Protein backbone atom coordinates (compact mmCIF):
# COMPACT_ATOMS: atom_id res chain seq x y z
CA UNK A 1 -9.51 22.23 -48.00
CA UNK A 2 -8.84 18.88 -46.36
CA UNK A 3 -11.28 17.43 -43.90
CA UNK A 4 -10.37 15.17 -41.02
CA UNK A 5 -11.85 11.69 -41.00
CA UNK A 6 -14.71 11.21 -38.56
CA UNK A 7 -12.79 8.58 -36.59
CA UNK A 8 -9.92 10.94 -35.76
CA UNK A 9 -10.38 12.76 -32.45
CA UNK A 10 -9.06 16.25 -31.78
CA UNK A 11 -5.84 16.59 -29.81
CA UNK A 12 -7.61 18.00 -26.74
CA UNK A 13 -9.83 14.92 -26.60
CA UNK A 14 -6.75 12.71 -26.69
CA UNK A 15 -4.98 14.71 -23.97
CA UNK A 16 -7.94 15.39 -21.67
CA UNK A 17 -10.41 12.60 -22.43
CA UNK A 18 -11.02 9.69 -20.10
CA UNK A 19 -8.24 7.13 -20.15
CA UNK A 20 -10.78 4.33 -20.00
CA UNK A 21 -11.83 5.24 -23.56
CA UNK A 22 -8.27 5.16 -24.91
CA UNK A 23 -6.47 2.08 -26.28
CA UNK A 24 -4.74 -0.19 -23.79
CA UNK A 25 -1.18 0.74 -24.81
CA UNK A 26 -1.87 4.48 -24.71
CA UNK A 27 -3.52 4.17 -21.30
CA UNK A 28 -0.56 2.37 -19.73
CA UNK A 29 2.06 4.54 -21.41
CA UNK A 30 0.29 7.63 -20.05
CA UNK A 31 0.24 6.12 -16.56
CA UNK A 32 3.91 5.13 -16.81
CA UNK A 33 4.80 8.66 -17.94
CA UNK A 34 2.89 10.08 -14.95
CA UNK A 35 4.81 7.89 -12.50
CA UNK A 36 8.09 8.84 -14.18
CA UNK A 37 7.22 12.55 -14.00
CA UNK A 38 6.38 12.38 -10.29
CA UNK A 39 9.64 10.52 -9.61
CA UNK A 40 11.61 13.01 -11.67
CA UNK A 41 9.98 15.94 -9.85
CA UNK A 42 11.02 14.47 -6.51
CA UNK A 43 14.57 13.77 -7.63
CA UNK A 44 14.97 17.26 -9.13
CA UNK A 45 13.38 19.19 -6.27
CA UNK A 46 14.75 17.34 -3.25
CA UNK A 47 18.29 16.06 -2.86
CA UNK A 48 18.81 12.35 -2.30
CA UNK A 49 20.40 12.63 1.13
CA UNK A 50 18.05 14.50 3.47
CA UNK A 51 20.21 14.31 6.62
CA UNK A 52 21.09 17.50 8.44
CA UNK A 53 24.78 18.38 8.39
CA UNK A 54 26.92 20.75 10.46
CA UNK A 55 27.57 24.00 8.60
CA UNK A 56 31.28 23.60 9.28
CA UNK A 57 33.40 21.19 11.33
CA UNK A 58 32.69 21.73 15.04
CA UNK A 59 29.63 23.91 14.38
CA UNK A 60 26.49 23.39 16.46
CA UNK A 61 24.27 24.81 13.70
CA UNK A 62 22.98 22.22 11.25
CA UNK A 63 21.95 22.72 7.68
CA UNK A 64 19.92 20.62 5.28
CA UNK A 65 20.06 20.58 1.48
CA UNK A 66 16.23 20.81 1.33
CA UNK A 67 15.01 24.29 0.38
CA UNK A 68 11.59 25.86 0.68
CA UNK A 69 11.61 26.54 -3.06
CA UNK A 70 12.32 22.87 -3.80
CA UNK A 71 9.46 21.70 -1.58
CA UNK A 72 7.11 24.29 -3.12
CA UNK A 73 7.99 23.30 -6.69
CA UNK A 74 7.56 19.62 -5.79
CA UNK A 75 4.16 20.30 -4.20
CA UNK A 76 2.90 22.30 -7.19
CA UNK A 77 4.11 19.72 -9.71
CA UNK A 78 2.55 16.83 -7.76
CA UNK A 79 -0.75 18.71 -7.41
CA UNK A 80 -0.82 19.42 -11.15
CA UNK A 81 -0.13 15.78 -11.96
CA UNK A 82 -2.80 14.68 -9.48
CA UNK A 83 -5.34 17.03 -11.04
CA UNK A 84 -4.50 15.76 -14.52
CA UNK A 85 -4.84 12.10 -13.60
CA UNK A 86 -7.84 12.78 -11.39
CA UNK A 87 -9.58 14.32 -14.36
CA UNK A 88 -8.67 11.51 -16.75
CA UNK A 89 -8.64 8.32 -14.67
CA UNK A 90 -10.18 6.50 -11.72
CA UNK A 91 -9.60 8.03 -8.28
CA UNK A 92 -7.08 5.42 -7.10
CA UNK A 93 -4.68 5.95 -10.02
CA UNK A 94 -3.47 9.43 -9.01
CA UNK A 95 -2.58 8.07 -5.60
CA UNK A 96 -0.56 5.24 -7.14
CA UNK A 97 1.00 7.29 -9.94
CA UNK A 98 1.65 10.62 -8.23
CA UNK A 99 2.06 10.04 -4.48
CA UNK A 100 3.58 6.55 -4.33
CA UNK A 101 6.80 7.12 -6.36
CA UNK A 102 8.02 10.15 -4.31
CA UNK A 103 7.02 8.43 -1.10
CA UNK A 104 9.01 5.34 -2.09
CA UNK A 105 12.04 7.43 -3.08
CA UNK A 106 11.84 9.32 0.22
CA UNK A 107 11.68 6.04 2.14
CA UNK A 108 14.76 4.74 0.31
CA UNK A 109 16.61 8.00 0.97
CA UNK A 110 15.77 7.95 4.67
CA UNK A 111 16.47 4.23 4.96
CA UNK A 112 20.02 4.66 3.67
CA UNK A 113 20.95 6.64 6.80
CA UNK A 114 23.60 4.96 8.90
CA UNK A 115 21.75 5.70 12.15
CA UNK A 116 19.62 2.94 13.65
CA UNK A 117 15.89 3.47 12.88
CA UNK A 118 14.85 3.61 16.54
CA UNK A 119 17.34 6.39 17.31
CA UNK A 120 16.24 8.76 14.56
CA UNK A 121 13.04 10.48 13.63
CA UNK A 122 13.07 9.56 9.95
CA UNK A 123 10.22 7.01 10.20
CA UNK A 124 7.96 9.68 11.66
CA UNK A 125 9.07 12.26 9.11
CA UNK A 126 8.49 9.79 6.27
CA UNK A 127 5.03 8.80 7.55
CA UNK A 128 3.98 12.43 7.96
CA UNK A 129 5.29 13.39 4.50
CA UNK A 130 3.57 10.41 2.92
CA UNK A 131 0.29 11.30 4.60
CA UNK A 132 0.51 14.92 3.45
CA UNK A 133 1.36 13.89 -0.13
CA UNK A 134 -1.43 11.32 -0.29
CA UNK A 135 -4.00 13.72 1.16
CA UNK A 136 -2.98 16.49 -1.24
CA UNK A 137 -3.11 14.15 -4.22
CA UNK A 138 -6.54 12.80 -3.26
CA UNK A 139 -7.96 16.30 -2.75
CA UNK A 140 -6.56 17.58 -6.06
CA UNK A 141 -7.79 14.49 -7.91
CA UNK A 142 -11.25 14.74 -6.33
CA UNK A 143 -11.57 18.40 -7.29
CA UNK A 144 -10.43 17.68 -10.84
CA UNK A 145 -13.01 14.87 -11.14
CA UNK A 146 -15.75 17.46 -10.64
CA UNK A 147 -14.84 18.96 -14.03
CA UNK A 148 -15.26 15.72 -15.95
CA UNK A 149 -17.98 15.65 -18.57
CA UNK A 150 -18.71 11.94 -18.22
CA UNK A 151 -18.40 10.62 -14.67
CA UNK A 152 -18.74 7.05 -15.91
CA UNK A 153 -20.13 5.82 -12.58
CA UNK A 154 -23.85 6.18 -13.12
CA UNK A 155 -26.16 4.96 -10.37
CA UNK A 156 -29.33 5.35 -12.44
CA UNK A 157 -29.93 1.62 -12.56
CA UNK A 158 -29.70 1.32 -8.79
CA UNK A 159 -32.07 4.20 -8.20
CA UNK A 160 -34.64 2.89 -10.70
CA UNK A 161 -34.42 -0.62 -9.24
CA UNK A 162 -34.84 0.79 -5.76
CA UNK A 163 -37.83 2.92 -6.77
CA UNK A 164 -39.58 0.01 -8.47
CA UNK A 165 -39.15 -2.19 -5.39
CA UNK A 166 -40.57 0.55 -3.15
CA UNK A 167 -43.55 1.14 -5.45
CA UNK A 168 -44.90 -2.37 -4.98
C-alpha cells in the first residue's frame, strides 16, 4: 500500500480550492483557460455575422443565423463558468473572464457591419446583451461564493476594534 505525501493535495482541492492559495502560474493558466472557454463558447454557439438577411432575393421576411438553442447553450455555459470562477476566485474575476470575452467578440461582430452606427440598432443590442451577460455572471458568481468554505475576507479585526473603541 502506497501512501501519498502530506504535501500533495487531493485532485478536488486542486480543482475546487481557492485560486489565491494556488501557485502563481497555475492561477493565471486557470484564468486564461476560463477566458478561452468563454470565447470558444460564444464562437461555437453564435455565428460571427449577426445581421438579419432576407430568406430569398426579394423576400420581405428576414432570417438570422442566431438560434434559440445556441443562445441557451451559450447562457448555460457562461453561467457554469461564472459559478466555477465565483467559487474559486475574487468576485471581479468572473466578470472579466466570463462576460468580457463574449461581449468583446459581440462588439467586434456588430462593429463589422457596413451600416453606419447611427442608422442601426446594434449599439443598443450590444449594450443590452452586455448588461444581461454581466448581470447573469455576477449573480451566478455571487451564489457560488456562498458555497465556499473559506471566504477569505474576514472582518473580525474590524468588529473587535470597533467594540473596543465603543467600550471605553
